[in-house]
Amino acid sequence: MNITKNIGFLLLAIWLILTGLSAFISLGGLGVILAILAIAAGVFILLGR
């Protein structure tokens, strides 16, 4: 299994997984964490890291 070295795509993958899991489990602060991950992933992808 090959893990990407691009931190933007890694954060995007984590965000997608957590978003999918949030449909099944309800955690109070998960929305804020997902928003921060989405912003960070977008910034890193734009920077090309």
Protein backbone atom coordinates (compact mmCIF):
# COMPACT_ATOMS: atom_id res chain seq x y z
CA MET A 1 0.00 0.00 0.00
CA ASN A 2 1.42 3.35 -1.04
CA ILE A 3 0.68 6.35 1.20
CA THR A 4 0.87 9.69 -0.61
CA LYS A 5 3.62 12.12 0.36
CA ASN A 6 1.48 15.11 -0.59
CA ILE A 7 0.12 16.46 2.71
CA GLY A 8 -2.82 18.16 0.98
CA PHE A 9 -4.10 14.94 -0.50
CA LEU A 10 -3.42 13.10 2.75
CA LEU A 11 -5.55 15.62 4.69
CA LEU A 12 -8.20 15.41 1.98
CA ALA A 13 -8.29 11.62 2.33
CA ILE A 14 -8.64 11.90 6.12
CA TRP A 15 -11.41 14.48 5.69
CA LEU A 16 -13.29 12.24 3.27
CA ILE A 17 -13.01 9.24 5.58
CA LEU A 18 -14.21 11.22 8.61
CA THR A 19 -17.06 12.74 6.61
CA GLY A 20 -18.19 9.28 5.58
CA LEU A 21 -17.93 7.96 9.12
CA SER A 22 -19.83 10.93 10.53
CA ALA A 23 -22.92 9.68 8.70
CA PHE A 24 -22.86 6.62 10.97
CA ILE A 25 -21.64 8.11 14.24
CA SER A 26 -22.61 11.42 15.81
CA LEU A 27 -19.86 13.28 17.63
CA GLY A 28 -20.44 16.84 18.84
CA GLY A 29 -17.24 18.60 17.77
CA LEU A 30 -16.67 16.65 14.56
CA GLY A 31 -18.05 19.44 12.35
CA VAL A 32 -15.40 21.90 13.48
CA ILE A 33 -12.61 19.35 13.00
CA LEU A 34 -13.88 18.51 9.50
CA ALA A 35 -14.01 22.19 8.56
CA ILE A 36 -10.42 22.76 9.74
CA LEU A 37 -9.21 19.66 7.85
CA ALA A 38 -11.00 20.80 4.68
CA ILE A 39 -9.42 24.26 4.83
CA ALA A 40 -5.96 22.84 5.54
CA ALA A 41 -6.24 20.30 2.70
CA GLY A 42 -7.33 22.99 0.25
CA VAL A 43 -4.45 25.28 1.21
CA PHE A 44 -1.84 22.52 0.95
CA ILE A 45 -3.19 21.33 -2.40
CA LEU A 46 -3.06 24.90 -3.75
CA LEU A 47 0.50 25.26 -2.49
CA GLY A 48 1.42 21.95 -4.10
CA ARG A 49 2.67 20.25 -0.94
